[in-house]
């Protein structure tokens, strides 16, 4: 199982132990994922990454499986390669 880090905007969740990571999919639709704070890596002010499972790619587009509770999409979304860190070439 290959994984990569997905970049997004980081906000507080409803509870102290959770965070909300928001990003856009390849069509520009906003997607929000609620995950335990321990599964996020802060990368700057209100920015962070989560580990996603890579399911496949076509050109610069990647189908990924999201962890946690997803709002605005299903658990599988397509993102651009530029949104991923440590994805295989």
C-alpha atoms as a PDB file:
ATOM      1  CA  UNK A   1       0.000   0.000   0.000  1.00  0.00           C
ATOM      2  CA  UNK A   2       1.552   3.253  -1.132  1.00  0.00           C
ATOM      3  CA  UNK A   3       0.886   6.457   0.767  1.00  0.00           C
ATOM      4  CA  UNK A   4       1.612  10.153   0.396  1.00  0.00           C
ATOM      5  CA  UNK A   5       1.038  13.345   2.366  1.00  0.00           C
ATOM      6  CA  UNK A   6      -1.873  15.551   1.260  1.00  0.00           C
ATOM      7  CA  UNK A   7      -1.507  19.301   1.894  1.00  0.00           C
ATOM      8  CA  UNK A   8      -4.361  21.489   3.110  1.00  0.00           C
ATOM      9  CA  UNK A   9      -5.606  24.258   5.368  1.00  0.00           C
ATOM     10  CA  UNK A  10      -5.625  23.288   9.023  1.00  0.00           C
ATOM     11  CA  UNK A  11      -8.283  24.412  11.529  1.00  0.00           C
ATOM     12  CA  UNK A  12      -9.479  23.358  14.967  1.00  0.00           C
ATOM     13  CA  UNK A  13     -12.107  20.649  15.088  1.00  0.00           C
ATOM     14  CA  UNK A  14     -15.199  20.525  17.239  1.00  0.00           C
ATOM     15  CA  UNK A  15     -13.302  18.660  19.959  1.00  0.00           C
ATOM     16  CA  UNK A  16      -9.830  19.411  21.348  1.00  0.00           C
ATOM     17  CA  UNK A  17      -8.321  16.150  20.072  1.00  0.00           C
ATOM     18  CA  UNK A  18      -9.424  16.601  16.447  1.00  0.00           C
ATOM     19  CA  UNK A  19      -8.520  18.894  13.570  1.00  0.00           C
ATOM     20  CA  UNK A  20     -10.112  19.846  10.266  1.00  0.00           C
ATOM     21  CA  UNK A  21      -8.024  19.700   7.088  1.00  0.00           C
ATOM     22  CA  UNK A  22      -9.609  21.453   4.084  1.00  0.00           C
ATOM     23  CA  UNK A  23      -8.393  21.163   0.486  1.00  0.00           C
ATOM     24  CA  UNK A  24      -9.784  21.278  -3.054  1.00  0.00           C
ATOM     25  CA  UNK A  25     -10.134  18.261  -5.290  1.00  0.00           C
ATOM     26  CA  UNK A  26      -9.057  18.255  -8.944  1.00  0.00           C
ATOM     27  CA  UNK A  27     -12.321  19.971 -10.002  1.00  0.00           C
ATOM     28  CA  UNK A  28     -11.950  22.799  -7.480  1.00  0.00           C
ATOM     29  CA  UNK A  29     -14.560  21.434  -5.060  1.00  0.00           C
ATOM     30  CA  UNK A  30     -13.753  22.030  -1.381  1.00  0.00           C
ATOM     31  CA  UNK A  31     -13.368  18.908   0.743  1.00  0.00           C
ATOM     32  CA  UNK A  32     -12.975  18.800   4.538  1.00  0.00           C
ATOM     33  CA  UNK A  33     -11.614  15.888   6.569  1.00  0.00           C
ATOM     34  CA  UNK A  34     -11.999  15.597  10.347  1.00  0.00           C
ATOM     35  CA  UNK A  35      -9.121  13.579  11.803  1.00  0.00           C
ATOM     36  CA  UNK A  36      -7.471  13.070  15.194  1.00  0.00           C
ATOM     37  CA  UNK A  37      -4.836  15.747  15.816  1.00  0.00           C
ATOM     38  CA  UNK A  38      -2.250  12.977  16.220  1.00  0.00           C
ATOM     39  CA  UNK A  39      -2.664  12.018  12.517  1.00  0.00           C
ATOM     40  CA  UNK A  40      -1.817  15.512  11.221  1.00  0.00           C
ATOM     41  CA  UNK A  41       1.551  17.086  10.604  1.00  0.00           C
ATOM     42  CA  UNK A  42       1.576  20.903  10.883  1.00  0.00           C
ATOM     43  CA  UNK A  43       3.630  22.516   8.091  1.00  0.00           C
ATOM     44  CA  UNK A  44       3.069  26.204   8.821  1.00  0.00           C
ATOM     45  CA  UNK A  45       0.502  28.610  10.176  1.00  0.00           C
ATOM     46  CA  UNK A  46      -2.900  27.016   9.532  1.00  0.00           C
ATOM     47  CA  UNK A  47      -1.318  24.526   7.082  1.00  0.00           C
ATOM     48  CA  UNK A  48      -0.741  20.813   7.485  1.00  0.00           C
ATOM     49  CA  UNK A  49      -0.698  17.362   5.905  1.00  0.00           C
ATOM     50  CA  UNK A  50      -2.440  14.038   6.418  1.00  0.00           C
ATOM     51  CA  UNK A  51      -1.346  10.647   5.158  1.00  0.00           C
ATOM     52  CA  UNK A  52      -3.572   9.319   2.383  1.00  0.00           C
ATOM     53  CA  UNK A  53      -3.567   5.985   0.586  1.00  0.00           C
ATOM     54  CA  UNK A  54      -2.751   6.176  -3.132  1.00  0.00           C
ATOM     55  CA  UNK A  55      -5.195   4.157  -5.216  1.00  0.00           C
ATOM     56  CA  UNK A  56      -4.057   5.068  -8.737  1.00  0.00           C
ATOM     57  CA  UNK A  57      -2.969   7.831 -11.074  1.00  0.00           C
ATOM     58  CA  UNK A  58      -3.475   9.154 -14.579  1.00  0.00           C
ATOM     59  CA  UNK A  59      -1.062  11.868 -15.621  1.00  0.00           C
ATOM     60  CA  UNK A  60      -0.888  14.432 -12.817  1.00  0.00           C
ATOM     61  CA  UNK A  61      -4.139  13.262 -11.198  1.00  0.00           C
ATOM     62  CA  UNK A  62      -4.171  10.879  -8.234  1.00  0.00           C
ATOM     63  CA  UNK A  63      -7.080   8.944  -6.765  1.00  0.00           C
ATOM     64  CA  UNK A  64      -6.573   8.870  -2.993  1.00  0.00           C
ATOM     65  CA  UNK A  65      -8.399   7.358  -0.037  1.00  0.00           C
ATOM     66  CA  UNK A  66      -8.931   9.782   2.830  1.00  0.00           C
ATOM     67  CA  UNK A  67      -8.784   8.883   6.515  1.00  0.00           C
ATOM     68  CA  UNK A  68     -11.270  10.160   9.073  1.00  0.00           C
ATOM     69  CA  UNK A  69     -14.699  11.710   8.604  1.00  0.00           C
ATOM     70  CA  UNK A  70     -15.104  13.363   5.180  1.00  0.00           C
ATOM     71  CA  UNK A  71     -17.418  16.294   4.351  1.00  0.00           C
ATOM     72  CA  UNK A  72     -18.111  17.415   0.789  1.00  0.00           C
ATOM     73  CA  UNK A  73     -17.010  14.172  -0.910  1.00  0.00           C
ATOM     74  CA  UNK A  74     -16.675  10.433  -0.481  1.00  0.00           C
ATOM     75  CA  UNK A  75     -13.649   8.744   1.053  1.00  0.00           C
ATOM     76  CA  UNK A  76     -12.039   8.493  -2.397  1.00  0.00           C
ATOM     77  CA  UNK A  77     -11.212  11.760  -4.172  1.00  0.00           C
ATOM     78  CA  UNK A  78      -9.008  12.812  -7.066  1.00  0.00           C
ATOM     79  CA  UNK A  79      -6.339  15.448  -6.395  1.00  0.00           C
ATOM     80  CA  UNK A  80      -3.488  16.976  -8.372  1.00  0.00           C
ATOM     81  CA  UNK A  81       0.033  15.669  -7.878  1.00  0.00           C
ATOM     82  CA  UNK A  82       1.147  19.135  -6.731  1.00  0.00           C
ATOM     83  CA  UNK A  83      -1.052  18.696  -3.636  1.00  0.00           C
ATOM     84  CA  UNK A  84       0.855  15.580  -2.602  1.00  0.00           C
ATOM     85  CA  UNK A  85       4.217  15.165  -0.912  1.00  0.00           C
ATOM     86  CA  UNK A  86       6.252  11.961  -1.129  1.00  0.00           C
ATOM     87  CA  UNK A  87       4.119  10.522  -3.940  1.00  0.00           C
ATOM     88  CA  UNK A  88       5.916   8.098  -6.284  1.00  0.00           C
ATOM     89  CA  UNK A  89       7.017   9.528  -9.625  1.00  0.00           C
END
